[in-house]
C-alpha cells in the first residue's frame, strides 16, 4: 500500500516542518508514505477562486490514477475519532486499494471535478486551520493510527 498526502504549495514554517519530520520518521515503512507538495499556481492572485480551483484540480489529477483511492480533507467531510480513523486505514490495508491519496486543497478548497473524483470527504475539525498545520495534524494522526493498530500505548481513550 502507498499513502500520499498531496498538498498545494509548500510548508515554509521551520517549526511545523520539524514536527512533520518527527512523525514521518515514525510512520511504518510498508505504508510507503510520501508528502507531495504541488507548486502553487503562478499568478494565482489574478485568477478568480473558481478558476484557481480548476487549475489546482488539473495539477492534482496529474498524480491520481483511475484505480487510486482519493480522500479529500474538507470542512464538510465526515469527522472520525482517532480510533475510527485507524480502522479506516486498517480497511484500506486489507482491501485491494494499492494507492491512497489524501488531498489538502488550496485556500479556496476544491473544484467540482475533485469533489466528483473523491471517494471520500474527511474533516479533521469544524474549525479552520492553516494548510501547513493540517499537514502536521494528518501526519500525526497517521502515526497515531499506526500505534493504535499495533496496540501500543501512544493513544489513550
Protein backbone atom coordinates (compact mmCIF):
# COMPACT_ATOMS: atom_id res chain seq x y z
CA UNK A 1 0.00 0.00 0.00
CA UNK A 2 1.10 3.54 -0.68
CA UNK A 3 -0.30 6.62 1.08
CA UNK A 4 0.37 10.03 -0.42
CA UNK A 5 -0.50 13.38 1.08
CA UNK A 6 -1.00 15.68 -1.92
CA UNK A 7 -0.79 19.35 -0.98
CA UNK A 8 -0.99 22.60 -2.89
CA UNK A 9 2.03 24.75 -2.00
CA UNK A 10 4.99 24.28 0.30
CA UNK A 11 5.33 24.38 4.06
CA UNK A 12 7.83 27.13 4.80
CA UNK A 13 7.43 27.20 8.57
CA UNK A 14 10.54 25.60 10.12
CA UNK A 15 8.81 24.56 13.33
CA UNK A 16 5.96 22.85 11.51
CA UNK A 17 8.42 21.15 9.14
CA UNK A 18 10.41 19.92 12.12
CA UNK A 19 7.31 18.40 13.73
CA UNK A 20 6.21 16.82 10.45
CA UNK A 21 9.67 15.26 10.12
CA UNK A 22 9.42 13.94 13.67
CA UNK A 23 6.31 11.92 12.79
CA UNK A 24 7.41 11.00 9.26
CA UNK A 25 10.34 9.02 10.60
CA UNK A 26 7.95 7.04 12.82
CA UNK A 27 5.44 6.00 10.16
CA UNK A 28 5.56 2.36 9.11
CA UNK A 29 7.74 1.73 6.06
CA UNK A 30 5.13 -0.55 4.45
CA UNK A 31 2.81 2.46 4.03
CA UNK A 32 5.34 4.00 1.63
CA UNK A 33 4.10 7.37 2.84
CA UNK A 34 5.08 10.48 0.92
CA UNK A 35 4.14 14.14 1.09
CA UNK A 36 3.86 15.61 -2.39
CA UNK A 37 3.96 19.39 -2.44
CA UNK A 38 2.42 20.61 -5.68
CA UNK A 39 3.73 24.06 -6.65
CA UNK A 40 1.35 26.97 -6.25
CA UNK A 41 -0.34 28.21 -9.43
CA UNK A 42 1.59 31.12 -10.92
CA UNK A 43 -0.25 34.44 -10.94
CA UNK A 44 -2.94 32.96 -8.69
CA UNK A 45 -3.88 36.43 -7.46
CA UNK A 46 -5.07 37.25 -10.98
CA UNK A 47 -7.49 34.30 -11.06
CA UNK A 48 -10.98 34.02 -9.67
CA UNK A 49 -11.40 31.44 -6.88
CA UNK A 50 -13.30 29.11 -9.26
CA UNK A 51 -10.64 29.30 -11.96
CA UNK A 52 -7.89 28.81 -9.38
CA UNK A 53 -9.61 25.68 -8.05
CA UNK A 54 -9.92 24.32 -11.60
CA UNK A 55 -6.21 24.90 -12.25
CA UNK A 56 -5.31 23.22 -8.97
CA UNK A 57 -7.58 20.29 -9.90
CA UNK A 58 -5.56 19.74 -13.08
CA UNK A 59 -2.39 19.55 -11.01
CA UNK A 60 -3.94 17.08 -8.54
CA UNK A 61 -5.15 14.90 -11.39
CA UNK A 62 -1.58 14.53 -12.68
CA UNK A 63 -0.87 12.38 -9.59
CA UNK A 64 -4.08 10.35 -9.46
CA UNK A 65 -4.72 7.19 -11.45
CA UNK A 66 -8.12 5.69 -12.21
CA UNK A 67 -7.94 2.97 -9.53
CA UNK A 68 -6.46 5.12 -6.75
CA UNK A 69 -8.48 5.90 -3.63
CA UNK A 70 -8.93 9.65 -3.12
CA UNK A 71 -9.84 11.16 0.25
CA UNK A 72 -10.11 14.92 0.44
CA UNK A 73 -9.74 16.92 3.62
CA UNK A 74 -12.76 19.20 3.57
CA UNK A 75 -14.67 21.13 6.20
CA UNK A 76 -17.90 19.42 5.05
CA UNK A 77 -16.38 15.95 5.30
CA UNK A 78 -17.03 13.26 7.88
CA UNK A 79 -15.21 13.55 11.18
CA UNK A 80 -13.60 10.48 12.71
CA UNK A 81 -12.23 9.69 16.11
CA UNK A 82 -8.60 8.59 16.06
CA UNK A 83 -9.71 5.02 16.64
CA UNK A 84 -12.21 5.20 13.75
CA UNK A 85 -9.50 6.66 11.52
CA UNK A 86 -7.19 3.77 12.43
CA UNK A 87 -9.97 1.34 11.48
CA UNK A 88 -10.29 3.13 8.14
CA UNK A 89 -6.57 2.68 7.49
CA UNK A 90 -6.83 -0.97 8.51
CA UNK A 91 -9.66 -1.37 5.98
CA UNK A 92 -7.52 0.28 3.28
CA UNK A 93 -4.65 -2.09 4.07
CA UNK A 94 -6.93 -5.13 3.85
CA UNK A 95 -8.63 -4.06 0.63
CA UNK A 96 -7.38 -4.15 -2.92
CA UNK A 97 -6.53 -0.44 -2.84
CA UNK A 98 -2.88 -0.04 -3.78
CA UNK A 99 -2.59 3.74 -3.59
CA UNK A 100 -4.39 6.21 -1.34
CA UNK A 101 -4.18 9.95 -1.87
CA UNK A 102 -5.20 12.33 0.89
CA UNK A 103 -5.65 15.79 -0.64
CA UNK A 104 -5.11 19.15 1.03
CA UNK A 105 -6.53 21.81 -1.25
CA UNK A 106 -5.60 25.42 -1.75
CA UNK A 107 -7.02 28.44 0.05
CA UNK A 108 -10.44 28.12 -1.64
CA UNK A 109 -10.83 24.37 -1.32
CA UNK A 110 -11.53 22.01 -4.22
CA UNK A 111 -13.16 22.27 -7.61
CA UNK A 112 -16.26 20.31 -8.56
CA UNK A 113 -14.00 17.93 -10.54
CA UNK A 114 -12.14 16.95 -7.37
CA UNK A 115 -15.35 16.62 -5.34
CA UNK A 116 -16.70 14.30 -8.06
CA UNK A 117 -13.47 12.25 -8.21
CA UNK A 118 -13.13 11.89 -4.43
CA UNK A 119 -14.06 8.56 -2.92
CA UNK A 120 -14.37 10.16 0.47
CA UNK A 121 -14.54 13.53 2.23
CA UNK A 122 -12.93 13.74 5.66
CA UNK A 123 -12.74 16.61 8.13
CA UNK A 124 -10.19 16.95 10.89
CA UNK A 125 -12.29 19.56 12.71
CA UNK A 126 -15.14 22.02 12.34
CA UNK A 127 -12.51 24.70 12.90
CA UNK A 128 -10.35 26.17 10.16
CA UNK A 129 -6.57 25.65 10.27
CA UNK A 130 -3.77 26.75 8.01
CA UNK A 131 -2.86 24.31 5.25
CA UNK A 132 0.56 23.97 6.83
CA UNK A 133 -0.90 22.92 10.17
CA UNK A 134 -3.26 20.43 8.51
CA UNK A 135 -0.24 18.59 7.11
CA UNK A 136 1.16 18.19 10.60
CA UNK A 137 -2.20 17.09 12.02
CA UNK A 138 -2.80 14.41 9.38
CA UNK A 139 0.75 13.04 9.67
CA UNK A 140 0.37 12.85 13.46
CA UNK A 141 -2.99 11.11 13.06
CA UNK A 142 -1.43 8.59 10.67
CA UNK A 143 1.25 7.87 13.28
CA UNK A 144 -1.42 7.61 15.98
CA UNK A 145 -3.44 5.22 13.81
CA UNK A 146 -0.39 3.00 13.38
CA UNK A 147 0.16 2.95 17.14
CA UNK A 148 -3.49 2.08 17.74
CA UNK A 149 -3.33 -0.73 15.17
CA UNK A 150 -0.22 -2.11 16.87
CA UNK A 151 -1.84 -1.89 20.30
CA UNK A 152 0.86 0.45 21.60
CA UNK A 153 0.15 2.90 24.45
CA UNK A 154 0.54 6.19 22.47
CA UNK A 155 -3.23 6.74 22.26
CA UNK A 156 -5.45 6.99 25.33
CA UNK A 157 -9.23 6.76 25.11
